[in-house]
């Protein structure tokens, strides 16, 4: 993403460089076609956690083509950048027609964000709903969170079936 200085009199928050927020956009056909955007992090000298929750994430099984559903929680501590939320929503919904196993989808989301943002820390909890009687949950983080940073629990209950 290249940037130029904002026109005189406009705030320097990075929003003038966004191409999707506040505009009509088409749904990307695939995650590879999606354009994730970022803006400078406010208070970049402080450590705070940003959380995105996608309780209705969908993708397709790469073998059967059947839909898979997940509740995804992304937590990250910004360094210089934050992800713009509309572009993130478009990126996440681009998986609806994308065939990948649960683990691949989960890691593709996480690593794409890490590559874009270079966060201090990021974790993903991908809580996949069962198909074939077995839920598959995928968890990953870039490393230990910085000491002294409050990291809230994800609080997504594990699948319990009827028991």
N, C-alpha and C. Protein backbone atom coordinates (compact mmCIF):
# COMPACT_ATOMS: atom_id res chain seq x y z
N UNK A 1 0.85 -1.17 0.00
CA UNK A 1 0.00 0.00 0.00
C UNK A 1 0.90 1.23 0.00
N UNK A 2 0.75 2.06 -1.00
CA UNK A 2 1.52 3.29 -1.05
C UNK A 2 0.68 4.41 -0.49
N UNK A 3 1.33 5.42 0.01
CA UNK A 3 0.58 6.52 0.59
C UNK A 3 1.20 7.84 0.17
N UNK A 4 0.36 8.83 0.08
CA UNK A 4 0.81 10.18 -0.17
C UNK A 4 0.21 11.06 0.91
N UNK A 5 0.77 12.23 1.13
CA UNK A 5 0.25 13.07 2.20
C UNK A 5 -1.19 13.48 1.92
N UNK A 6 -1.99 13.63 2.98
CA UNK A 6 -3.38 14.03 2.77
C UNK A 6 -3.45 15.47 2.29
N UNK A 7 -4.53 15.82 1.57
CA UNK A 7 -4.70 17.21 1.16
C UNK A 7 -4.73 18.12 2.38
N UNK A 8 -4.32 19.36 2.20
CA UNK A 8 -4.30 20.32 3.30
C UNK A 8 -5.69 20.43 3.92
N UNK A 9 -5.72 20.44 5.25
CA UNK A 9 -6.98 20.60 5.97
C UNK A 9 -7.70 19.30 6.28
N UNK A 10 -7.17 18.16 5.83
CA UNK A 10 -7.82 16.88 6.15
C UNK A 10 -7.04 16.19 7.25
N UNK A 11 -7.73 15.41 8.07
CA UNK A 11 -7.02 14.72 9.16
C UNK A 11 -6.05 13.69 8.58
N UNK A 12 -4.92 13.51 9.25
CA UNK A 12 -3.92 12.56 8.81
C UNK A 12 -4.12 11.23 9.54
N UNK A 13 -5.30 10.62 9.38
CA UNK A 13 -5.59 9.35 10.04
C UNK A 13 -5.51 8.17 9.08
N UNK A 14 -5.14 8.42 7.85
CA UNK A 14 -5.02 7.36 6.86
C UNK A 14 -6.31 7.05 6.13
N UNK A 15 -7.43 7.57 6.58
CA UNK A 15 -8.72 7.20 5.98
C UNK A 15 -8.87 7.69 4.55
N UNK A 16 -8.20 8.76 4.18
CA UNK A 16 -8.32 9.28 2.82
C UNK A 16 -7.71 8.33 1.78
N UNK A 17 -6.93 7.36 2.23
CA UNK A 17 -6.31 6.40 1.31
C UNK A 17 -7.14 5.14 1.11
N UNK A 18 -8.22 5.00 1.87
CA UNK A 18 -9.04 3.79 1.79
C UNK A 18 -9.85 3.76 0.50
N UNK A 19 -9.99 2.58 -0.07
CA UNK A 19 -10.70 2.45 -1.35
C UNK A 19 -12.07 1.78 -1.21
N UNK A 20 -12.41 1.27 -0.02
CA UNK A 20 -13.65 0.53 0.13
C UNK A 20 -14.62 1.16 1.12
N UNK A 21 -14.11 1.67 2.22
CA UNK A 21 -14.96 2.24 3.26
C UNK A 21 -15.71 3.46 2.72
N UNK A 22 -17.02 3.45 2.91
CA UNK A 22 -17.84 4.56 2.44
C UNK A 22 -18.16 4.51 0.96
N UNK A 23 -17.82 3.42 0.32
CA UNK A 23 -18.07 3.27 -1.12
C UNK A 23 -18.81 1.97 -1.38
N UNK A 24 -19.52 1.91 -2.50
CA UNK A 24 -20.11 0.64 -2.93
C UNK A 24 -18.97 -0.27 -3.35
N UNK A 25 -19.01 -1.48 -2.87
CA UNK A 25 -17.96 -2.44 -3.21
C UNK A 25 -18.61 -3.75 -3.61
N UNK A 26 -17.91 -4.51 -4.41
CA UNK A 26 -18.40 -5.83 -4.78
C UNK A 26 -17.69 -6.87 -3.91
N UNK A 27 -18.40 -7.93 -3.66
CA UNK A 27 -17.85 -9.01 -2.85
C UNK A 27 -16.72 -9.70 -3.62
N UNK A 28 -15.54 -9.82 -3.04
CA UNK A 28 -14.45 -10.53 -3.73
C UNK A 28 -14.82 -11.99 -3.95
N UNK A 29 -14.40 -12.53 -5.07
CA UNK A 29 -14.72 -13.91 -5.41
C UNK A 29 -13.93 -14.91 -4.59
N UNK A 30 -12.79 -14.50 -4.06
CA UNK A 30 -11.95 -15.41 -3.29
C UNK A 30 -11.10 -14.59 -2.33
N UNK A 31 -10.51 -15.23 -1.32
CA UNK A 31 -9.61 -14.50 -0.42
C UNK A 31 -8.43 -13.86 -1.15
N UNK A 32 -7.97 -14.50 -2.20
CA UNK A 32 -6.85 -13.96 -2.97
C UNK A 32 -7.24 -12.68 -3.71
N UNK A 33 -8.52 -12.52 -4.03
CA UNK A 33 -9.00 -11.32 -4.72
C UNK A 33 -9.35 -10.19 -3.76
N UNK A 34 -9.47 -10.51 -2.48
CA UNK A 34 -9.86 -9.50 -1.48
C UNK A 34 -8.72 -8.52 -1.25
N UNK A 35 -9.08 -7.28 -0.97
CA UNK A 35 -8.10 -6.24 -0.69
C UNK A 35 -8.26 -5.83 0.77
N UNK A 36 -7.30 -6.25 1.59
CA UNK A 36 -7.28 -5.83 2.98
C UNK A 36 -6.60 -4.48 3.06
N UNK A 37 -7.20 -3.55 3.80
CA UNK A 37 -6.63 -2.22 3.92
C UNK A 37 -6.27 -1.94 5.37
N UNK A 38 -5.36 -1.02 5.55
CA UNK A 38 -4.89 -0.68 6.89
C UNK A 38 -4.77 0.84 6.99
N UNK A 39 -4.81 1.29 8.23
CA UNK A 39 -4.58 2.71 8.53
C UNK A 39 -3.62 2.77 9.71
N UNK A 40 -2.96 3.92 9.88
CA UNK A 40 -2.06 4.04 11.02
C UNK A 40 -2.78 3.79 12.34
N UNK A 41 -2.12 3.10 13.23
CA UNK A 41 -2.70 2.79 14.54
C UNK A 41 -2.73 4.05 15.40
N UNK A 42 -3.88 4.34 15.99
CA UNK A 42 -3.90 5.44 16.96
C UNK A 42 -3.17 4.99 18.23
N UNK A 43 -2.55 5.90 18.90
CA UNK A 43 -1.85 5.57 20.15
C UNK A 43 -0.87 4.42 19.96
N UNK A 44 -0.08 4.49 18.90
CA UNK A 44 0.86 3.40 18.59
C UNK A 44 1.88 3.18 19.70
N UNK A 45 2.04 4.14 20.59
CA UNK A 45 2.99 3.99 21.69
C UNK A 45 2.40 3.25 22.89
N UNK A 46 1.12 2.88 22.80
CA UNK A 46 0.45 2.15 23.89
C UNK A 46 0.15 0.73 23.45
N UNK A 47 0.03 -0.16 24.40
CA UNK A 47 -0.32 -1.55 24.11
C UNK A 47 -1.79 -1.77 24.44
N UNK A 48 -2.57 -2.07 23.41
CA UNK A 48 -3.98 -2.36 23.58
C UNK A 48 -4.36 -3.48 22.63
N UNK A 49 -5.44 -4.17 22.97
CA UNK A 49 -5.88 -5.32 22.17
C UNK A 49 -7.08 -4.91 21.32
N UNK A 50 -7.04 -5.27 20.07
CA UNK A 50 -8.17 -5.10 19.15
C UNK A 50 -8.75 -6.48 18.91
N UNK A 51 -10.07 -6.60 19.01
CA UNK A 51 -10.73 -7.90 18.80
C UNK A 51 -11.76 -7.77 17.69
N UNK A 52 -11.72 -8.75 16.79
CA UNK A 52 -12.76 -8.91 15.77
C UNK A 52 -13.37 -10.29 15.97
N UNK A 53 -14.68 -10.36 15.92
CA UNK A 53 -15.40 -11.61 16.08
C UNK A 53 -16.29 -11.83 14.86
N UNK A 54 -16.17 -12.98 14.26
CA UNK A 54 -17.00 -13.35 13.11
C UNK A 54 -17.76 -14.63 13.47
N UNK A 55 -18.95 -14.48 14.08
CA UNK A 55 -19.67 -15.66 14.57
C UNK A 55 -20.37 -16.48 13.47
N UNK A 56 -20.38 -15.96 12.24
CA UNK A 56 -21.06 -16.67 11.16
C UNK A 56 -20.14 -16.88 9.96
N UNK A 57 -18.89 -17.18 10.22
CA UNK A 57 -17.92 -17.42 9.16
C UNK A 57 -18.29 -18.69 8.40
N UNK A 58 -18.15 -18.65 7.08
CA UNK A 58 -18.43 -19.83 6.26
C UNK A 58 -17.35 -20.03 5.21
N UNK A 59 -17.13 -21.28 4.89
CA UNK A 59 -16.25 -21.66 3.78
C UNK A 59 -16.81 -22.97 3.21
N UNK A 60 -16.10 -23.54 2.28
CA UNK A 60 -16.56 -24.79 1.67
C UNK A 60 -15.54 -25.89 1.90
N UNK A 61 -16.03 -27.10 2.10
CA UNK A 61 -15.15 -28.26 2.16
C UNK A 61 -14.52 -28.43 0.77
N UNK A 62 -13.20 -28.57 0.70
CA UNK A 62 -12.56 -28.67 -0.61
C UNK A 62 -12.84 -29.98 -1.33
N UNK A 63 -13.34 -30.97 -0.61
CA UNK A 63 -13.61 -32.28 -1.23
C UNK A 63 -15.08 -32.42 -1.62
N UNK A 64 -15.97 -32.12 -0.67
CA UNK A 64 -17.40 -32.35 -0.92
C UNK A 64 -18.13 -31.11 -1.42
N UNK A 65 -17.56 -29.93 -1.18
CA UNK A 65 -18.23 -28.69 -1.56
C UNK A 65 -19.30 -28.28 -0.57
N UNK A 66 -19.47 -29.04 0.51
CA UNK A 66 -20.48 -28.70 1.51
C UNK A 66 -19.99 -27.52 2.36
N UNK A 67 -20.94 -26.73 2.88
CA UNK A 67 -20.53 -25.57 3.68
C UNK A 67 -20.00 -25.97 5.05
N UNK A 68 -19.02 -25.22 5.49
CA UNK A 68 -18.47 -25.34 6.83
C UNK A 68 -18.69 -24.01 7.53
N UNK A 69 -18.97 -24.06 8.82
CA UNK A 69 -19.29 -22.87 9.59
C UNK A 69 -18.36 -22.76 10.80
N UNK A 70 -18.00 -21.54 11.13
CA UNK A 70 -17.12 -21.32 12.27
C UNK A 70 -17.45 -20.02 12.98
N UNK A 71 -17.06 -19.95 14.21
CA UNK A 71 -17.08 -18.73 15.02
C UNK A 71 -15.61 -18.36 15.19
N UNK A 72 -15.20 -17.26 14.59
CA UNK A 72 -13.79 -16.89 14.58
C UNK A 72 -13.57 -15.65 15.43
N UNK A 73 -12.54 -15.72 16.27
CA UNK A 73 -12.15 -14.59 17.12
C UNK A 73 -10.69 -14.25 16.82
N UNK A 74 -10.46 -13.01 16.44
CA UNK A 74 -9.11 -12.52 16.14
C UNK A 74 -8.77 -11.43 17.15
N UNK A 75 -7.70 -11.61 17.87
CA UNK A 75 -7.19 -10.61 18.80
C UNK A 75 -5.80 -10.19 18.33
N UNK A 76 -5.54 -8.88 18.35
CA UNK A 76 -4.18 -8.46 18.03
C UNK A 76 -3.83 -7.17 18.76
N UNK A 77 -2.53 -7.00 18.95
CA UNK A 77 -1.99 -5.78 19.53
C UNK A 77 -1.29 -5.05 18.39
N UNK A 78 -1.80 -3.87 18.01
CA UNK A 78 -1.19 -3.16 16.89
C UNK A 78 0.22 -2.67 17.19
N UNK A 79 0.98 -2.55 16.14
CA UNK A 79 2.27 -1.89 16.20
C UNK A 79 2.07 -0.53 15.52
N UNK A 80 2.19 -0.47 14.21
CA UNK A 80 2.03 0.80 13.49
C UNK A 80 0.71 0.87 12.73
N UNK A 81 0.05 -0.29 12.55
CA UNK A 81 -1.14 -0.35 11.71
C UNK A 81 -2.30 -1.05 12.40
N UNK A 82 -3.53 -0.66 11.99
CA UNK A 82 -4.74 -1.41 12.33
C UNK A 82 -5.44 -1.76 11.02
N UNK A 83 -6.15 -2.86 11.03
CA UNK A 83 -6.87 -3.26 9.82
C UNK A 83 -8.19 -2.48 9.75
N UNK A 84 -8.55 -2.09 8.56
CA UNK A 84 -9.83 -1.39 8.36
C UNK A 84 -10.93 -2.45 8.35
N UNK A 85 -11.97 -2.24 9.15
CA UNK A 85 -12.93 -3.31 9.41
C UNK A 85 -13.78 -3.71 8.20
N UNK A 86 -14.17 -2.78 7.32
CA UNK A 86 -14.97 -3.18 6.16
C UNK A 86 -14.14 -4.09 5.26
N UNK A 87 -12.88 -3.76 5.06
CA UNK A 87 -12.05 -4.62 4.20
C UNK A 87 -11.87 -5.99 4.85
N UNK A 88 -11.79 -6.04 6.18
CA UNK A 88 -11.69 -7.33 6.87
C UNK A 88 -12.97 -8.13 6.68
N UNK A 89 -14.12 -7.49 6.80
CA UNK A 89 -15.40 -8.19 6.59
C UNK A 89 -15.47 -8.77 5.17
N UNK A 90 -15.07 -7.96 4.18
CA UNK A 90 -15.09 -8.46 2.80
C UNK A 90 -14.11 -9.62 2.62
N UNK A 91 -12.96 -9.53 3.24
CA UNK A 91 -11.98 -10.62 3.19
C UNK A 91 -12.57 -11.89 3.80
N UNK A 92 -13.15 -11.77 4.98
CA UNK A 92 -13.71 -12.95 5.65
C UNK A 92 -14.86 -13.56 4.86
N UNK A 93 -15.74 -12.73 4.31
CA UNK A 93 -16.86 -13.28 3.56
C UNK A 93 -16.42 -13.85 2.21
N UNK A 94 -15.22 -13.49 1.74
CA UNK A 94 -14.73 -14.05 0.48
C UNK A 94 -14.45 -15.55 0.59
N UNK A 95 -14.41 -16.08 1.80
CA UNK A 95 -14.20 -17.51 1.99
C UNK A 95 -15.47 -18.32 1.73
N UNK A 96 -16.61 -17.67 1.57
CA UNK A 96 -17.88 -18.39 1.40
C UNK A 96 -17.88 -19.34 0.22
N UNK A 97 -17.18 -19.00 -0.83
CA UNK A 97 -17.11 -19.86 -2.01
C UNK A 97 -15.72 -20.45 -2.19
N UNK A 98 -14.96 -20.46 -1.13
CA UNK A 98 -13.57 -20.90 -1.16
C UNK A 98 -13.46 -22.28 -0.52
N UNK A 99 -12.87 -23.20 -1.22
CA UNK A 99 -12.72 -24.55 -0.70
C UNK A 99 -11.36 -24.77 -0.06
N UNK A 100 -11.36 -24.91 1.26
CA UNK A 100 -10.14 -25.22 2.01
C UNK A 100 -10.53 -25.93 3.30
N UNK A 101 -9.62 -26.73 3.80
CA UNK A 101 -9.84 -27.36 5.08
C UNK A 101 -9.83 -26.31 6.19
N UNK A 102 -10.42 -26.64 7.32
CA UNK A 102 -10.55 -25.71 8.45
C UNK A 102 -9.20 -25.09 8.83
N UNK A 103 -8.21 -25.96 8.93
CA UNK A 103 -6.89 -25.49 9.36
C UNK A 103 -6.32 -24.47 8.37
N UNK A 104 -6.47 -24.72 7.09
CA UNK A 104 -5.94 -23.82 6.06
C UNK A 104 -6.66 -22.47 6.10
N UNK A 105 -7.98 -22.48 6.20
CA UNK A 105 -8.73 -21.22 6.27
C UNK A 105 -8.29 -20.41 7.48
N UNK A 106 -8.21 -21.05 8.62
CA UNK A 106 -7.85 -20.37 9.87
C UNK A 106 -6.46 -19.75 9.77
N UNK A 107 -5.51 -20.51 9.28
CA UNK A 107 -4.14 -20.01 9.19
C UNK A 107 -3.98 -18.97 8.09
N UNK A 108 -4.75 -19.09 7.02
CA UNK A 108 -4.69 -18.10 5.95
C UNK A 108 -5.16 -16.73 6.46
N UNK A 109 -6.21 -16.74 7.26
CA UNK A 109 -6.69 -15.49 7.85
C UNK A 109 -5.61 -14.88 8.74
N UNK A 110 -5.07 -15.70 9.64
CA UNK A 110 -4.09 -15.19 10.60
C UNK A 110 -2.83 -14.69 9.92
N UNK A 111 -2.27 -15.48 9.02
CA UNK A 111 -1.00 -15.08 8.40
C UNK A 111 -1.17 -13.90 7.45
N UNK A 112 -2.31 -13.79 6.81
CA UNK A 112 -2.57 -12.62 5.96
C UNK A 112 -2.58 -11.35 6.80
N UNK A 113 -3.21 -11.41 7.97
CA UNK A 113 -3.23 -10.25 8.86
C UNK A 113 -1.84 -9.93 9.40
N UNK A 114 -1.09 -10.95 9.76
CA UNK A 114 0.27 -10.72 10.25
C UNK A 114 1.12 -10.07 9.17
N UNK A 115 1.02 -10.55 7.94
CA UNK A 115 1.79 -9.98 6.84
C UNK A 115 1.40 -8.52 6.57
N UNK A 116 0.12 -8.21 6.68
CA UNK A 116 -0.36 -6.85 6.43
C UNK A 116 0.00 -5.88 7.54
N UNK A 117 -0.17 -6.32 8.79
CA UNK A 117 -0.10 -5.41 9.92
C UNK A 117 1.22 -5.42 10.68
N UNK A 118 1.96 -6.51 10.63
CA UNK A 118 3.14 -6.66 11.48
C UNK A 118 2.79 -6.29 12.92
N UNK A 119 1.80 -6.97 13.50
CA UNK A 119 1.38 -6.61 14.85
C UNK A 119 2.41 -7.01 15.91
N UNK A 120 2.29 -6.39 17.07
CA UNK A 120 3.10 -6.81 18.21
C UNK A 120 2.79 -8.26 18.55
N UNK A 121 1.50 -8.60 18.46
CA UNK A 121 1.03 -9.95 18.81
C UNK A 121 -0.32 -10.17 18.14
N UNK A 122 -0.59 -11.39 17.72
CA UNK A 122 -1.88 -11.76 17.13
C UNK A 122 -2.19 -13.19 17.50
N UNK A 123 -3.47 -13.45 17.76
CA UNK A 123 -3.93 -14.83 17.94
C UNK A 123 -5.26 -14.97 17.24
N UNK A 124 -5.52 -16.21 16.82
CA UNK A 124 -6.81 -16.54 16.23
C UNK A 124 -7.35 -17.76 16.95
N UNK A 125 -8.63 -17.72 17.25
CA UNK A 125 -9.36 -18.88 17.73
C UNK A 125 -10.45 -19.15 16.71
N UNK A 126 -10.37 -20.28 16.03
CA UNK A 126 -11.37 -20.63 15.01
C UNK A 126 -12.13 -21.85 15.52
N UNK A 127 -13.36 -21.61 15.92
CA UNK A 127 -14.20 -22.64 16.54
C UNK A 127 -15.16 -23.15 15.47
N UNK A 128 -14.80 -24.25 14.86
CA UNK A 128 -15.58 -24.80 13.74
C UNK A 128 -16.70 -25.69 14.26
N UNK A 129 -17.86 -25.53 13.67
CA UNK A 129 -19.02 -26.34 14.05
C UNK A 129 -18.85 -27.74 13.46
N UNK A 130 -19.36 -28.75 14.17
CA UNK A 130 -19.13 -30.13 13.71
C UNK A 130 -19.86 -30.44 12.41
N UNK A 131 -19.20 -31.23 11.62
CA UNK A 131 -19.79 -31.89 10.47
C UNK A 131 -19.22 -33.28 10.50
N UNK A 132 -20.06 -34.26 10.37
CA UNK A 132 -19.58 -35.64 10.51
C UNK A 132 -19.35 -36.00 11.97
N UNK A 133 -19.94 -35.21 12.89
CA UNK A 133 -19.89 -35.52 14.30
C UNK A 133 -18.63 -35.05 15.02
N UNK A 134 -17.75 -34.28 14.35
CA UNK A 134 -16.51 -33.89 15.01
C UNK A 134 -16.20 -32.41 14.75
N UNK A 135 -16.19 -31.61 15.83
CA UNK A 135 -15.76 -30.23 15.64
C UNK A 135 -14.23 -30.17 15.53
N UNK A 136 -13.76 -29.23 14.77
CA UNK A 136 -12.31 -29.02 14.65
C UNK A 136 -12.06 -27.56 15.01
N UNK A 137 -11.35 -27.33 16.08
CA UNK A 137 -11.02 -25.97 16.49
C UNK A 137 -9.54 -25.73 16.20
N UNK A 138 -9.22 -24.52 15.72
CA UNK A 138 -7.86 -24.19 15.33
C UNK A 138 -7.44 -22.95 16.10
N UNK A 139 -6.28 -23.04 16.78
CA UNK A 139 -5.76 -21.93 17.57
C UNK A 139 -4.32 -21.66 17.17
N UNK A 140 -3.97 -20.40 17.06
CA UNK A 140 -2.60 -20.04 16.73
C UNK A 140 -2.33 -18.63 17.24
N UNK A 141 -1.10 -18.39 17.63
CA UNK A 141 -0.69 -17.03 17.98
C UNK A 141 0.76 -16.84 17.59
N UNK A 142 1.13 -15.58 17.46
CA UNK A 142 2.48 -15.26 16.98
C UNK A 142 3.55 -15.48 18.03
N UNK A 143 3.18 -15.63 19.27
CA UNK A 143 4.12 -15.82 20.37
C UNK A 143 3.44 -15.41 21.65
N UNK A 144 4.20 -15.26 22.70
CA UNK A 144 3.63 -14.84 23.98
C UNK A 144 3.24 -13.36 23.89
N UNK A 145 2.09 -13.01 24.47
CA UNK A 145 1.72 -11.59 24.48
C UNK A 145 2.68 -10.81 25.37
N UNK A 146 2.82 -9.51 25.11
CA UNK A 146 3.72 -8.71 25.94
C UNK A 146 3.29 -8.73 27.40
N UNK A 147 4.26 -8.81 28.28
CA UNK A 147 3.98 -8.82 29.70
C UNK A 147 3.24 -7.55 30.10
N UNK A 148 2.26 -7.70 30.97
CA UNK A 148 1.50 -6.57 31.46
C UNK A 148 0.34 -6.16 30.58
N UNK A 149 0.12 -6.86 29.46
CA UNK A 149 -1.01 -6.56 28.58
C UNK A 149 -2.18 -7.44 28.97
N UNK A 150 -3.34 -6.83 29.14
CA UNK A 150 -4.53 -7.61 29.46
C UNK A 150 -5.07 -8.26 28.20
N UNK A 151 -5.10 -9.57 28.20
CA UNK A 151 -5.61 -10.34 27.07
C UNK A 151 -6.88 -11.03 27.55
N UNK A 152 -8.04 -10.58 27.09
CA UNK A 152 -9.28 -11.22 27.55
C UNK A 152 -9.43 -12.63 26.99
N UNK A 153 -10.12 -13.47 27.74
CA UNK A 153 -10.43 -14.82 27.26
C UNK A 153 -11.36 -14.72 26.06
N UNK A 154 -11.29 -15.70 25.20
CA UNK A 154 -12.17 -15.67 24.03
C UNK A 154 -13.60 -16.09 24.39
N UNK A 155 -13.76 -16.86 25.42
CA UNK A 155 -15.08 -17.22 25.95
C UNK A 155 -16.04 -17.83 24.92
N UNK A 156 -15.51 -18.57 23.98
CA UNK A 156 -16.37 -19.31 23.06
C UNK A 156 -16.44 -20.72 23.60
N UNK A 157 -17.61 -21.16 24.02
CA UNK A 157 -17.70 -22.49 24.61
C UNK A 157 -17.36 -23.59 23.59
N UNK A 158 -16.67 -24.59 24.05
CA UNK A 158 -16.40 -25.75 23.21
C UNK A 158 -17.69 -26.48 22.90
N UNK A 159 -17.71 -27.22 21.80
CA UNK A 159 -18.91 -27.95 21.43
C UNK A 159 -19.17 -29.08 22.41
N UNK A 160 -20.40 -29.12 22.91
CA UNK A 160 -20.73 -30.14 23.92
C UNK A 160 -21.75 -31.16 23.43
N UNK A 161 -22.27 -30.99 22.25
CA UNK A 161 -23.28 -31.92 21.76
C UNK A 161 -24.50 -31.90 22.66
N UNK A 162 -25.04 -33.06 22.93
CA UNK A 162 -26.24 -33.13 23.78
C UNK A 162 -25.89 -33.54 25.20
N UNK A 163 -24.59 -33.61 25.54
CA UNK A 163 -24.18 -34.11 26.83
C UNK A 163 -24.10 -33.15 27.93
